[in-house]
Amino acid sequence: MNINEKIQQQLDASKVVLYMKGTRDFPQCGFSNRVIQILDEVGAVYMDINILEDDELRQGLKVFSNWPTFPQLYIKGELIGGCDIVTELYENGELEALLVE
């Protein structure tokens, strides 16, 4: 299985996927931690994937998403964005709408 197939398989496995540095229980960057706080606040059910454990995944995601930084939040297989975008969507109420669609 190539890296794009692996990423697609992960995205197909859960409606909401957060690629992050660390895990939800032990985030290893402030931006990842902020997105976890937001997702927990809105009661989202999500899969967290630690990109620090898999360099091929970390590099492959940058190409797959055409997004160079982490965290990366996906809802229904679509890239939503990183911390700034997720925070903005949360603050204006759009994130919850995306999660319940």
PDB file of N, CA and C in Angstrom:
ATOM      1  N   MET A   1       0.846  -1.177   0.000  1.00  0.00           N
ATOM      2  CA  MET A   1       0.000   0.000   0.000  1.00  0.00           C
ATOM      3  C   MET A   1       0.896   1.247   0.000  1.00  0.00           C
ATOM      4  N   ASN A   2       0.640   2.163  -0.933  1.00  0.00           N
ATOM      5  CA  ASN A   2       1.441   3.382  -0.949  1.00  0.00           C
ATOM      6  C   ASN A   2       0.891   4.373   0.078  1.00  0.00           C
ATOM      7  N   ILE A   3       1.606   5.463   0.287  1.00  0.00           N
ATOM      8  CA  ILE A   3       1.247   6.400   1.351  1.00  0.00           C
ATOM      9  C   ILE A   3      -0.106   7.066   1.099  1.00  0.00           C
ATOM     10  N   ASN A   4      -0.426   7.380  -0.139  1.00  0.00           N
ATOM     11  CA  ASN A   4      -1.732   7.986  -0.424  1.00  0.00           C
ATOM     12  C   ASN A   4      -2.873   7.027  -0.100  1.00  0.00           C
ATOM     13  N   GLU A   5      -2.678   5.746  -0.391  1.00  0.00           N
ATOM     14  CA  GLU A   5      -3.695   4.749  -0.058  1.00  0.00           C
ATOM     15  C   GLU A   5      -3.844   4.619   1.462  1.00  0.00           C
ATOM     16  N   LYS A   6      -2.727   4.674   2.161  1.00  0.00           N
ATOM     17  CA  LYS A   6      -2.753   4.600   3.619  1.00  0.00           C
ATOM     18  C   LYS A   6      -3.520   5.790   4.200  1.00  0.00           C
ATOM     19  N   ILE A   7      -3.240   6.982   3.700  1.00  0.00           N
ATOM     20  CA  ILE A   7      -3.941   8.185   4.168  1.00  0.00           C
ATOM     21  C   ILE A   7      -5.430   8.067   3.873  1.00  0.00           C
ATOM     22  N   GLN A   8      -5.766   7.653   2.658  1.00  0.00           N
ATOM     23  CA  GLN A   8      -7.175   7.527   2.297  1.00  0.00           C
ATOM     24  C   GLN A   8      -7.873   6.503   3.176  1.00  0.00           C
ATOM     25  N   GLN A   9      -7.206   5.427   3.489  1.00  0.00           N
ATOM     26  CA  GLN A   9      -7.772   4.394   4.366  1.00  0.00           C
ATOM     27  C   GLN A   9      -8.046   4.981   5.758  1.00  0.00           C
ATOM     28  N   GLN A  10      -7.125   5.792   6.265  1.00  0.00           N
ATOM     29  CA  GLN A  10      -7.327   6.429   7.571  1.00  0.00           C
ATOM     30  C   GLN A  10      -8.511   7.396   7.522  1.00  0.00           C
ATOM     31  N   LEU A  11      -8.604   8.163   6.451  1.00  0.00           N
ATOM     32  CA  LEU A  11      -9.698   9.125   6.322  1.00  0.00           C
ATOM     33  C   LEU A  11     -11.048   8.423   6.178  1.00  0.00           C
ATOM     34  N   ASP A  12     -11.041   7.257   5.543  1.00  0.00           N
ATOM     35  CA  ASP A  12     -12.275   6.485   5.376  1.00  0.00           C
ATOM     36  C   ASP A  12     -12.718   5.816   6.682  1.00  0.00           C
ATOM     37  N   ALA A  13     -11.767   5.650   7.613  1.00  0.00           N
ATOM     38  CA  ALA A  13     -12.042   4.930   8.856  1.00  0.00           C
ATOM     39  C   ALA A  13     -12.810   5.766   9.883  1.00  0.00           C
ATOM     40  N   SER A  14     -12.805   7.080   9.722  1.00  0.00           N
ATOM     41  CA  SER A  14     -13.459   7.941  10.700  1.00  0.00           C
ATOM     42  C   SER A  14     -13.974   9.201  10.021  1.00  0.00           C
ATOM     43  N   LYS A  15     -15.120   9.672  10.463  1.00  0.00           N
ATOM     44  CA  LYS A  15     -15.695  10.902   9.895  1.00  0.00           C
ATOM     45  C   LYS A  15     -14.782  12.102  10.151  1.00  0.00           C
ATOM     46  N   VAL A  16     -14.138  12.111  11.332  1.00  0.00           N
ATOM     47  CA  VAL A  16     -13.270  13.229  11.707  1.00  0.00           C
ATOM     48  C   VAL A  16     -11.896  12.665  12.063  1.00  0.00           C
ATOM     49  N   VAL A  17     -10.865  13.173  11.380  1.00  0.00           N
ATOM     50  CA  VAL A  17      -9.498  12.717  11.609  1.00  0.00           C
ATOM     51  C   VAL A  17      -8.611  13.939  11.852  1.00  0.00           C
ATOM     52  N   LEU A  18      -7.840  13.872  12.931  1.00  0.00           N
ATOM     53  CA  LEU A  18      -6.889  14.933  13.255  1.00  0.00           C
ATOM     54  C   LEU A  18      -5.480  14.366  13.169  1.00  0.00           C
ATOM     55  N   TYR A  19      -4.725  14.845  12.193  1.00  0.00           N
ATOM     56  CA  TYR A  19      -3.300  14.522  12.100  1.00  0.00           C
ATOM     57  C   TYR A  19      -2.576  15.582  12.918  1.00  0.00           C
ATOM     58  N   MET A  20      -1.828  15.130  13.904  1.00  0.00           N
ATOM     59  CA  MET A  20      -1.269  16.076  14.869  1.00  0.00           C
ATOM     60  C   MET A  20       0.097  15.631  15.361  1.00  0.00           C
ATOM     61  N   LYS A  21       0.749  16.534  16.057  1.00  0.00           N
ATOM     62  CA  LYS A  21       2.007  16.221  16.723  1.00  0.00           C
ATOM     63  C   LYS A  21       1.675  15.757  18.127  1.00  0.00           C
ATOM     64  N   GLY A  22       1.902  14.471  18.375  1.00  0.00           N
ATOM     65  CA  GLY A  22       1.536  13.866  19.642  1.00  0.00           C
ATOM     66  C   GLY A  22       0.189  13.182  19.532  1.00  0.00           C
ATOM     67  N   THR A  23      -0.438  12.991  20.693  1.00  0.00           N
ATOM     68  CA  THR A  23      -1.749  12.358  20.752  1.00  0.00           C
ATOM     69  C   THR A  23      -2.695  13.261  21.529  1.00  0.00           C
ATOM     70  N   ARG A  24      -3.974  12.929  21.487  1.00  0.00           N
ATOM     71  CA  ARG A  24      -4.939  13.756  22.228  1.00  0.00           C
ATOM     72  C   ARG A  24      -4.622  13.755  23.717  1.00  0.00           C
ATOM     73  N   ASP A  25      -4.059  12.655  24.231  1.00  0.00           N
ATOM     74  CA  ASP A  25      -3.709  12.581  25.650  1.00  0.00           C
ATOM     75  C   ASP A  25      -2.365  13.233  25.955  1.00  0.00           C
ATOM     76  N   PHE A  26      -1.507  13.349  24.951  1.00  0.00           N
ATOM     77  CA  PHE A  26      -0.188  13.940  25.153  1.00  0.00           C
ATOM     78  C   PHE A  26       0.211  14.738  23.909  1.00  0.00           C
ATOM     79  N   PRO A  27      -0.453  15.879  23.672  1.00  0.00           N
ATOM     80  CA  PRO A  27      -0.097  16.699  22.507  1.00  0.00           C
ATOM     81  C   PRO A  27       1.321  17.242  22.652  1.00  0.00           C
ATOM     82  N   GLN A  28       2.028  17.323  21.530  1.00  0.00           N
ATOM     83  CA  GLN A  28       3.414  17.758  21.574  1.00  0.00           C
ATOM     84  C   GLN A  28       3.639  19.089  20.863  1.00  0.00           C
ATOM     85  N   CYS A  29       2.571  19.840  20.664  1.00  0.00           N
ATOM     86  CA  CYS A  29       2.713  21.231  20.218  1.00  0.00           C
ATOM     87  C   CYS A  29       1.452  21.986  20.618  1.00  0.00           C
ATOM     88  N   GLY A  30       1.590  23.268  20.820  1.00  0.00           N
ATOM     89  CA  GLY A  30       0.484  24.099  21.261  1.00  0.00           C
ATOM     90  C   GLY A  30      -0.657  24.157  20.262  1.00  0.00           C
ATOM     91  N   PHE A  31      -0.345  24.147  18.975  1.00  0.00           N
ATOM     92  CA  PHE A  31      -1.386  24.211  17.956  1.00  0.00           C
ATOM     93  C   PHE A  31      -2.236  22.947  17.968  1.00  0.00           C
ATOM     94  N   SER A  32      -1.584  21.799  18.084  1.00  0.00           N
ATOM     95  CA  SER A  32      -2.320  20.535  18.176  1.00  0.00           C
ATOM     96  C   SER A  32      -3.184  20.525  19.432  1.00  0.00           C
ATOM     97  N   ASN A  33      -2.630  20.988  20.537  1.00  0.00           N
ATOM     98  CA  ASN A  33      -3.375  21.035  21.790  1.00  0.00           C
ATOM     99  C   ASN A  33      -4.611  21.915  21.657  1.00  0.00           C
ATOM    100  N   ARG A  34      -4.483  23.041  20.997  1.00  0.00           N
ATOM    101  CA  ARG A  34      -5.616  23.961  20.825  1.00  0.00           C
ATOM    102  C   ARG A  34      -6.737  23.293  20.019  1.00  0.00           C
ATOM    103  N   VAL A  35      -6.386  22.591  18.956  1.00  0.00           N
ATOM    104  CA  VAL A  35      -7.410  21.925  18.144  1.00  0.00           C
ATOM    105  C   VAL A  35      -8.098  20.825  18.962  1.00  0.00           C
ATOM    106  N   ILE A  36      -7.348  20.093  19.767  1.00  0.00           N
ATOM    107  CA  ILE A  36      -7.941  19.074  20.636  1.00  0.00           C
ATOM    108  C   ILE A  36      -8.940  19.721  21.594  1.00  0.00           C
ATOM    109  N   GLN A  37      -8.557  20.837  22.197  1.00  0.00           N
ATOM    110  CA  GLN A  37      -9.454  21.529  23.126  1.00  0.00           C
ATOM    111  C   GLN A  37     -10.756  21.921  22.429  1.00  0.00           C
ATOM    112  N   ILE A  38     -10.641  22.423  21.204  1.00  0.00           N
ATOM    113  CA  ILE A  38     -11.832  22.832  20.446  1.00  0.00           C
ATOM    114  C   ILE A  38     -12.711  21.623  20.132  1.00  0.00           C
ATOM    115  N   LEU A  39     -12.096  20.562  19.621  1.00  0.00           N
ATOM    116  CA  LEU A  39     -12.874  19.364  19.282  1.00  0.00           C
ATOM    117  C   LEU A  39     -13.555  18.775  20.515  1.00  0.00           C
ATOM    118  N   ASP A  40     -12.849  18.764  21.632  1.00  0.00           N
ATOM    119  CA  ASP A  40     -13.439  18.258  22.869  1.00  0.00           C
ATOM    120  C   ASP A  40     -14.574  19.171  23.344  1.00  0.00           C
ATOM    121  N   GLU A  41     -14.397  20.460  23.195  1.00  0.00           N
ATOM    122  CA  GLU A  41     -15.419  21.431  23.605  1.00  0.00           C
ATOM    123  C   GLU A  41     -16.729  21.219  22.850  1.00  0.00           C
ATOM    124  N   VAL A  42     -16.637  20.925  21.569  1.00  0.00           N
ATOM    125  CA  VAL A  42     -17.854  20.736  20.766  1.00  0.00           C
ATOM    126  C   VAL A  42     -18.345  19.286  20.798  1.00  0.00           C
ATOM    127  N   GLY A  43     -17.642  18.428  21.528  1.00  0.00           N
ATOM    128  CA  GLY A  43     -18.079  17.040  21.678  1.00  0.00           C
ATOM    129  C   GLY A  43     -17.848  16.181  20.449  1.00  0.00           C
ATOM    130  N   ALA A  44     -16.864  16.529  19.651  1.00  0.00           N
ATOM    131  CA  ALA A  44     -16.578  15.773  18.428  1.00  0.00           C
ATOM    132  C   ALA A  44     -16.005  14.399  18.754  1.00  0.00           C
ATOM    133  N   VAL A  45     -16.419  13.417  17.980  1.00  0.00           N
ATOM    134  CA  VAL A  45     -15.818  12.090  18.020  1.00  0.00           C
ATOM    135  C   VAL A  45     -14.806  12.072  16.887  1.00  0.00           C
ATOM    136  N   TYR A  46     -13.550  11.829  17.204  1.00  0.00           N
ATOM    137  CA  TYR A  46     -12.509  11.926  16.184  1.00  0.00           C
ATOM    138  C   TYR A  46     -11.379  10.946  16.439  1.00  0.00           C
ATOM    139  N   MET A  47     -10.669  10.644  15.374  1.00  0.00           N
ATOM    140  CA  MET A  47      -9.488   9.803  15.446  1.00  0.00           C
ATOM    141  C   MET A  47      -8.269  10.723  15.395  1.00  0.00           C
ATOM    142  N   ASP A  48      -7.360  10.548  16.336  1.00  0.00           N
ATOM    143  CA  ASP A  48      -6.125  11.324  16.319  1.00  0.00           C
ATOM    144  C   ASP A  48      -4.984  10.434  15.864  1.00  0.00           C
ATOM    145  N   ILE A  49      -4.148  10.990  14.987  1.00  0.00           N
ATOM    146  CA  ILE A  49      -3.014  10.242  14.454  1.00  0.00           C
ATOM    147  C   ILE A  49      -1.758  11.066  14.671  1.00  0.00           C
ATOM    148  N   ASN A  50      -0.794  10.468  15.346  1.00  0.00           N
ATOM    149  CA  ASN A  50       0.470  11.128  15.686  1.00  0.00           C
ATOM    150  C   ASN A  50       1.421  11.057  14.494  1.00  0.00           C
ATOM    151  N   ILE A  51       1.634  12.184  13.833  1.00  0.00           N
ATOM    152  CA  ILE A  51       2.501  12.197  12.652  1.00  0.00           C
ATOM    153  C   ILE A  51       3.980  12.126  13.027  1.00  0.00           C
ATOM    154  N   LEU A  52       4.295  12.306  14.304  1.00  0.00           N
ATOM    155  CA  LEU A  52       5.696  12.216  14.728  1.00  0.00           C
ATOM    156  C   LEU A  52       6.188  10.774  14.769  1.00  0.00           C
ATOM    157  N   GLU A  53       5.273   9.824  14.762  1.00  0.00           N
ATOM    158  CA  GLU A  53       5.652   8.405  14.801  1.00  0.00           C
ATOM    159  C   GLU A  53       5.925   7.819  13.423  1.00  0.00           C
ATOM    160  N   ASP A  54       5.617   8.563  12.369  1.00  0.00           N
ATOM    161  CA  ASP A  54       5.726   8.012  11.024  1.00  0.00           C
ATOM    162  C   ASP A  54       6.156   9.118  10.054  1.00  0.00           C
ATOM    163  N   ASP A  55       7.448   9.168   9.767  1.00  0.00           N
ATOM    164  CA  ASP A  55       7.977  10.224   8.903  1.00  0.00           C
ATOM    165  C   ASP A  55       7.395  10.150   7.494  1.00  0.00           C
ATOM    166  N   GLU A  56       7.182   8.929   6.994  1.00  0.00           N
ATOM    167  CA  GLU A  56       6.599   8.779   5.658  1.00  0.00           C
ATOM    168  C   GLU A  56       5.190   9.382   5.619  1.00  0.00           C
ATOM    169  N   LEU A  57       4.428   9.147   6.674  1.00  0.00           N
ATOM    170  CA  LEU A  57       3.085   9.717   6.764  1.00  0.00           C
ATOM    171  C   LEU A  57       3.153  11.237   6.848  1.00  0.00           C
ATOM    172  N   ARG A  58       4.038  11.749   7.679  1.00  0.00           N
ATOM    173  CA  ARG A  58       4.164  13.205   7.845  1.00  0.00           C
ATOM    174  C   ARG A  58       4.500  13.881   6.524  1.00  0.00           C
ATOM    175  N   GLN A  59       5.451  13.336   5.800  1.00  0.00           N
ATOM    176  CA  GLN A  59       5.837  13.921   4.514  1.00  0.00           C
ATOM    177  C   GLN A  59       4.761  13.698   3.457  1.00  0.00           C
ATOM    178  N   GLY A  60       4.161  12.515   3.474  1.00  0.00           N
ATOM    179  CA  GLY A  60       3.119  12.190   2.496  1.00  0.00           C
ATOM    180  C   GLY A  60       1.883  13.062   2.647  1.00  0.00           C
ATOM    181  N   LEU A  61       1.532  13.394   3.889  1.00  0.00           N
ATOM    182  CA  LEU A  61       0.370  14.249   4.124  1.00  0.00           C
ATOM    183  C   LEU A  61       0.564  15.649   3.552  1.00  0.00           C
ATOM    184  N   LYS A  62       1.786  16.143   3.630  1.00  0.00           N
ATOM    185  CA  LYS A  62       2.065  17.481   3.095  1.00  0.00           C
ATOM    186  C   LYS A  62       1.775  17.536   1.596  1.00  0.00           C
ATOM    187  N   VAL A  63       2.077  16.456   0.907  1.00  0.00           N
ATOM    188  CA  VAL A  63       1.815  16.370  -0.533  1.00  0.00           C
ATOM    189  C   VAL A  63       0.338  16.083  -0.778  1.00  0.00           C
ATOM    190  N   PHE A  64      -0.207  15.115  -0.052  1.00  0.00           N
ATOM    191  CA  PHE A  64      -1.600  14.702  -0.206  1.00  0.00           C
ATOM    192  C   PHE A  64      -2.556  15.890  -0.051  1.00  0.00           C
ATOM    193  N   SER A  65      -2.292  16.693   0.977  1.00  0.00           N
ATOM    194  CA  SER A  65      -3.195  17.799   1.304  1.00  0.00           C
ATOM    195  C   SER A  65      -2.787  19.123   0.674  1.00  0.00           C
ATOM    196  N   ASN A  66      -1.552  19.172   0.183  1.00  0.00           N
ATOM    197  CA  ASN A  66      -0.985  20.441  -0.281  1.00  0.00           C
ATOM    198  C   ASN A  66      -1.039  21.473   0.847  1.00  0.00           C
ATOM    199  N   TRP A  67      -0.771  20.998   2.065  1.00  0.00           N
ATOM    200  CA  TRP A  67      -0.797  21.831   3.274  1.00  0.00           C
ATOM    201  C   TRP A  67       0.461  21.489   4.069  1.00  0.00           C
ATOM    202  N   PRO A  68       1.370  22.435   4.256  1.00  0.00           N
ATOM    203  CA  PRO A  68       2.687  22.100   4.792  1.00  0.00           C
ATOM    204  C   PRO A  68       2.795  21.950   6.303  1.00  0.00           C
ATOM    205  N   THR A  69       1.769  22.329   7.053  1.00  0.00           N
ATOM    206  CA  THR A  69       1.907  22.357   8.506  1.00  0.00           C
ATOM    207  C   THR A  69       0.903  21.430   9.184  1.00  0.00           C
ATOM    208  N   PHE A  70       1.145  21.217  10.481  1.00  0.00           N
ATOM    209  CA  PHE A  70       0.277  20.392  11.312  1.00  0.00           C
ATOM    210  C   PHE A  70      -0.094  21.175  12.551  1.00  0.00           C
ATOM    211  N   PRO A  71      -1.274  20.912  13.082  1.00  0.00           N
ATOM    212  CA  PRO A  71      -2.200  19.834  12.786  1.00  0.00           C
ATOM    213  C   PRO A  71      -2.974  20.056  11.490  1.00  0.00           C
ATOM    214  N   GLN A  72      -3.567  18.969  11.007  1.00  0.00           N
ATOM    215  CA  GLN A  72      -4.470  19.015   9.859  1.00  0.00           C
ATOM    216  C   GLN A  72      -5.752  18.292  10.268  1.00  0.00           C
ATOM    217  N   LEU A  73      -6.872  19.006  10.182  1.00  0.00           N
ATOM    218  CA  LEU A  73      -8.157  18.426  10.530  1.00  0.00           C
ATOM    219  C   LEU A  73      -8.922  18.098   9.257  1.00  0.00           C
ATOM    220  N   TYR A  74      -9.419  16.868   9.192  1.00  0.00           N
ATOM    221  CA  TYR A  74     -10.239  16.406   8.074  1.00  0.00           C
ATOM    222  C   TYR A  74     -11.624  16.049   8.599  1.00  0.00           C
ATOM    223  N   ILE A  75     -12.638  16.471   7.876  1.00  0.00           N
ATOM    224  CA  ILE A  75     -14.007  16.064   8.172  1.00  0.00           C
ATOM    225  C   ILE A  75     -14.579  15.471   6.893  1.00  0.00           C
ATOM    226  N   LYS A  76     -15.066  14.231   7.009  1.00  0.00           N
ATOM    227  CA  LYS A  76     -15.596  13.486   5.858  1.00  0.00           C
ATOM    228  C   LYS A  76     -14.593  13.451   4.707  1.00  0.00           C
ATOM    229  N   GLY A  77     -13.326  13.252   5.029  1.00  0.00           N
ATOM    230  CA  GLY A  77     -12.292  13.107   4.014  1.00  0.00           C
ATOM    231  C   GLY A  77     -11.797  14.404   3.411  1.00  0.00           C
ATOM    232  N   GLU A  78     -12.357  15.529   3.826  1.00  0.00           N
ATOM    233  CA  GLU A  78     -11.937  16.825   3.284  1.00  0.00           C
ATOM    234  C   GLU A  78     -11.091  17.577   4.292  1.00  0.00           C
ATOM    235  N   LEU A  79      -9.981  18.141   3.811  1.00  0.00           N
ATOM    236  CA  LEU A  79      -9.147  18.958   4.671  1.00  0.00           C
ATOM    237  C   LEU A  79      -9.897  20.227   5.050  1.00  0.00           C
ATOM    238  N   ILE A  80     -10.018  20.454   6.342  1.00  0.00           N
ATOM    239  CA  ILE A  80     -10.634  21.679   6.850  1.00  0.00           C
ATOM    240  C   ILE A  80      -9.551  22.729   7.040  1.00  0.00           C
ATOM    241  N   GLY A  81      -8.422  22.324   7.626  1.00  0.00           N
ATOM    242  CA  GLY A  81      -7.308  23.250   7.801  1.00  0.00           C
ATOM    243  C   GLY A  81      -6.566  22.964   9.082  1.00  0.00           C
ATOM    244  N   GLY A  82      -5.761  23.948   9.457  1.00  0.00           N
ATOM    245  CA  GLY A  82      -4.955  23.846  10.661  1.00  0.00           C
ATOM    246  C   GLY A  82      -5.577  24.599  11.814  1.00  0.00           C
ATOM    247  N   CYS A  83      -4.770  24.913  12.797  1.00  0.00           N
ATOM    248  CA  CYS A  83      -5.244  25.517  14.039  1.00  0.00           C
ATOM    249  C   CYS A  83      -5.975  26.839  13.813  1.00  0.00           C
ATOM    250  N   ASP A  84      -5.415  27.729  13.008  1.00  0.00           N
ATOM    251  CA  ASP A  84      -6.046  29.044  12.805  1.00  0.00           C
ATOM    252  C   ASP A  84      -7.427  28.911  12.187  1.00  0.00           C
ATOM    253  N   ILE A  85      -7.544  28.075  11.169  1.00  0.00           N
ATOM    254  CA  ILE A  85      -8.833  27.897  10.486  1.00  0.00           C
ATOM    255  C   ILE A  85      -9.833  27.214  11.409  1.00  0.00           C
ATOM    256  N   VAL A  86      -9.400  26.179  12.120  1.00  0.00           N
ATOM    257  CA  VAL A  86     -10.298  25.476  13.035  1.00  0.00           C
ATOM    258  C   VAL A  86     -10.776  26.433  14.136  1.00  0.00           C
ATOM    259  N   THR A  87      -9.872  27.248  14.652  1.00  0.00           N
ATOM    260  CA  THR A  87     -10.242  28.220  15.685  1.00  0.00           C
ATOM    261  C   THR A  87     -11.267  29.214  15.152  1.00  0.00           C
ATOM    262  N   GLU A  88     -11.040  29.709  13.958  1.00  0.00           N
ATOM    263  CA  GLU A  88     -11.971  30.660  13.348  1.00  0.00           C
ATOM    264  C   GLU A  88     -13.339  30.025  13.134  1.00  0.00           C
ATOM    265  N   LEU A  89     -13.361  28.798  12.606  1.00  0.00           N
ATOM    266  CA  LEU A  89     -14.632  28.099  12.389  1.00  0.00           C
ATOM    267  C   LEU A  89     -15.365  27.847  13.708  1.00  0.00           C
ATOM    268  N   TYR A  90     -14.613  27.534  14.741  1.00  0.00           N
ATOM    269  CA  TYR A  90     -15.191  27.314  16.065  1.00  0.00           C
ATOM    270  C   TYR A  90     -15.804  28.608  16.603  1.00  0.00           C
ATOM    271  N   GLU A  91     -15.052  29.687  16.503  1.00  0.00           N
ATOM    272  CA  GLU A  91     -15.503  30.957  17.063  1.00  0.00           C
ATOM    273  C   GLU A  91     -16.731  31.510  16.361  1.00  0.00           C
ATOM    274  N   ASN A  92     -16.875  31.234  15.053  1.00  0.00           N
ATOM    275  CA  ASN A  92     -18.055  31.751  14.356  1.00  0.00           C
ATOM    276  C   ASN A  92     -19.183  30.711  14.242  1.00  0.00           C
ATOM    277  N   GLY A  93     -19.013  29.550  14.893  1.00  0.00           N
ATOM    278  CA  GLY A  93     -20.065  28.549  14.939  1.00  0.00           C
ATOM    279  C   GLY A  93     -20.138  27.604  13.761  1.00  0.00           C
ATOM    280  N   GLU A  94     -19.262  27.774  12.789  1.00  0.00           N
ATOM    281  CA  GLU A  94     -19.324  26.930  11.594  1.00  0.00           C
ATOM    282  C   GLU A  94     -18.779  25.523  11.807  1.00  0.00           C
ATOM    283  N   LEU A  95     -17.866  25.360  12.761  1.00  0.00           N
ATOM    284  CA  LEU A  95     -17.261  24.034  12.973  1.00  0.00           C
ATOM    285  C   LEU A  95     -18.324  23.027  13.408  1.00  0.00           C
ATOM    286  N   GLU A  96     -19.147  23.414  14.349  1.00  0.00           N
ATOM    287  CA  GLU A  96     -20.196  22.495  14.813  1.00  0.00           C
ATOM    288  C   GLU A  96     -21.125  22.107  13.671  1.00  0.00           C
ATOM    289  N   ALA A  97     -21.426  23.048  12.794  1.00  0.00           N
ATOM    290  CA  ALA A  97     -22.279  22.754  11.635  1.00  0.00           C
ATOM    291  C   ALA A  97     -21.619  21.726  10.728  1.00  0.00           C
ATOM    292  N   LEU A  98     -20.315  21.849  10.515  1.00  0.00           N
ATOM    293  CA  LEU A  98     -19.591  20.890   9.683  1.00  0.00           C
ATOM    294  C   LEU A  98     -19.614  19.498  10.307  1.00  0.00           C
ATOM    295  N   LEU A  99     -19.546  19.446  11.614  1.00  0.00           N
ATOM    296  CA  LEU A  99     -19.490  18.161  12.312  1.00  0.00           C
ATOM    297  C   LEU A  99     -20.827  17.436  12.322  1.00  0.00           C
ATOM    298  N   VAL A 100     -21.941  18.156  12.240  1.00  0.00           N
ATOM    299  CA  VAL A 100     -23.243  17.502  12.300  1.00  0.00           C
ATOM    300  C   VAL A 100     -23.872  17.273  10.932  1.00  0.00           C
ATOM    301  N   GLU A 101     -23.290  17.824   9.889  1.00  0.00           N
ATOM    302  CA  GLU A 101     -23.842  17.643   8.533  1.00  0.00           C
ATOM    303  C   GLU A 101     -23.873  16.193   8.148  1.00  0.00           C
TER     304      GLU A 101
END
